[in-house]
Protein backbone atom coordinates (compact mmCIF):
# COMPACT_ATOMS: atom_id res chain seq x y z
CA UNK A 1 -8.20 -19.51 -8.64
CA UNK A 2 -5.72 -17.38 -10.57
CA UNK A 3 -4.49 -14.15 -9.02
CA UNK A 4 -3.66 -11.55 -11.67
CA UNK A 5 -0.65 -9.94 -10.03
CA UNK A 6 0.14 -7.90 -13.15
CA UNK A 7 -3.28 -6.25 -12.91
CA UNK A 8 -2.79 -5.44 -9.22
CA UNK A 9 0.65 -3.96 -9.88
CA UNK A 10 -0.70 -1.89 -12.76
CA UNK A 11 -3.59 -0.63 -10.64
CA UNK A 12 -1.35 0.27 -7.68
CA UNK A 13 1.19 2.02 -9.88
CA UNK A 14 -1.37 4.06 -11.77
CA UNK A 15 -3.20 4.94 -8.55
CA UNK A 16 0.04 6.09 -6.92
CA UNK A 17 0.95 8.22 -9.91
CA UNK A 18 -2.58 9.64 -9.99
CA UNK A 19 -2.33 10.70 -6.32
CA UNK A 20 1.00 12.43 -6.91
CA UNK A 21 -0.24 14.08 -10.12
CA UNK A 22 -3.44 15.33 -8.45
CA UNK A 23 -1.39 16.82 -5.61
CA UNK A 24 0.81 18.65 -8.09
CA UNK A 25 -2.22 19.86 -10.03
CA UNK A 26 -3.84 21.22 -6.89
CA UNK A 27 -0.63 23.05 -6.02
CA UNK A 28 0.03 24.57 -9.44
CA UNK A 29 -3.50 25.12 -10.79
CA UNK A 30 -5.58 25.70 -7.67
CA UNK A 31 -2.80 27.54 -5.86
CA UNK A 32 -2.78 25.42 -2.75
CA UNK A 33 0.18 25.83 -0.43
CA UNK A 34 2.97 23.27 -0.75
CA UNK A 35 4.01 22.21 2.74
CA UNK A 36 7.28 20.39 2.22
CA UNK A 37 7.12 18.57 5.56
CA UNK A 38 3.85 16.85 4.69
CA UNK A 39 3.46 16.93 0.91
CA UNK A 40 6.95 15.83 -0.05
CA UNK A 41 6.95 13.11 2.61
CA UNK A 42 3.61 11.79 1.33
CA UNK A 43 4.78 11.82 -2.29
CA UNK A 44 8.00 9.99 -1.43
CA UNK A 45 6.12 7.35 0.58
CA UNK A 46 3.62 6.81 -2.25
CA UNK A 47 6.41 6.48 -4.81
CA UNK A 48 8.43 4.09 -2.62
CA UNK A 49 5.34 1.96 -1.92
CA UNK A 50 4.50 1.62 -5.61
CA UNK A 51 8.12 0.85 -6.47
CA UNK A 52 8.33 -1.85 -3.80
CA UNK A 53 5.05 -3.37 -4.98
CA UNK A 54 6.34 -3.58 -8.53
CA UNK A 55 9.69 -5.04 -7.46
CA UNK A 56 8.15 -7.68 -5.17
CA UNK A 57 5.39 -8.84 -7.49
CA UNK A 58 5.29 -12.17 -9.28
CA UNK A 59 5.49 -12.07 -13.03
CA UNK A 60 3.73 -15.40 -13.61
CA UNK A 61 0.22 -16.27 -12.50
CA UNK A 62 -0.15 -18.37 -9.36
CA UNK A 63 -2.80 -21.06 -9.17
CA UNK A 64 -4.36 -21.31 -5.72
CA UNK A 65 -7.14 -23.49 -4.43
CA UNK A 66 -9.19 -23.28 -1.25
CA UNK A 67 -6.79 -25.43 0.80
CA UNK A 68 -3.71 -23.41 -0.19
CA UNK A 69 -5.41 -20.10 0.59
CA UNK A 70 -6.63 -21.40 3.96
CA UNK A 71 -3.12 -22.65 4.77
CA UNK A 72 -1.64 -19.24 3.91
CA UNK A 73 -4.20 -17.36 6.02
CA UNK A 74 -3.65 -19.44 9.16
CA UNK A 75 0.13 -19.71 8.87
CA UNK A 76 2.33 -18.45 11.69
CA UNK A 77 3.64 -15.61 9.55
CA UNK A 78 0.14 -14.38 8.66
CA UNK A 79 -1.03 -14.54 12.28
CA UNK A 80 2.10 -12.69 13.42
CA UNK A 81 1.47 -9.93 10.87
CA UNK A 82 -2.16 -9.66 12.01
CA UNK A 83 -1.16 -9.41 15.69
CA UNK A 84 1.51 -6.82 14.86
CA UNK A 85 -1.02 -4.76 12.90
CA UNK A 86 -3.51 -4.86 15.78
CA UNK A 87 -0.78 -3.75 18.21
CA UNK A 88 0.23 -0.84 15.98
CA UNK A 89 -3.43 0.17 15.52
CA UNK A 90 -4.04 0.00 19.27
CA UNK A 91 -0.93 2.06 20.05
CA UNK A 92 -1.95 4.65 17.46
CA UNK A 93 -5.48 4.84 18.87
CA UNK A 94 -4.19 5.24 22.44
CA UNK A 95 -1.67 7.90 21.38
CA UNK A 96 -4.42 9.79 19.55
CA UNK A 97 -6.75 9.74 22.56
CA UNK A 98 -4.09 10.96 25.03
């Protein structure tokens, strides 16, 4: 299996730029209110996320087979990330309900 990282990076970058551009269009053309606290923060986070994705991506294609993918999914690092994500989700859910 070949993972096309260049395609994923291109998709993420264009999607991030599209979100920022649509926000700016809604502000300037539709006359929506620009709330700096929320809008600017969201735009900065989108831009930083796309930039980090581009900087951390592989340039060459990576060949993976079933055994390699399975090994990556059950590695200690992957399990730790999954547990951390569940903890953050649970804390967010509890904070929202309180």
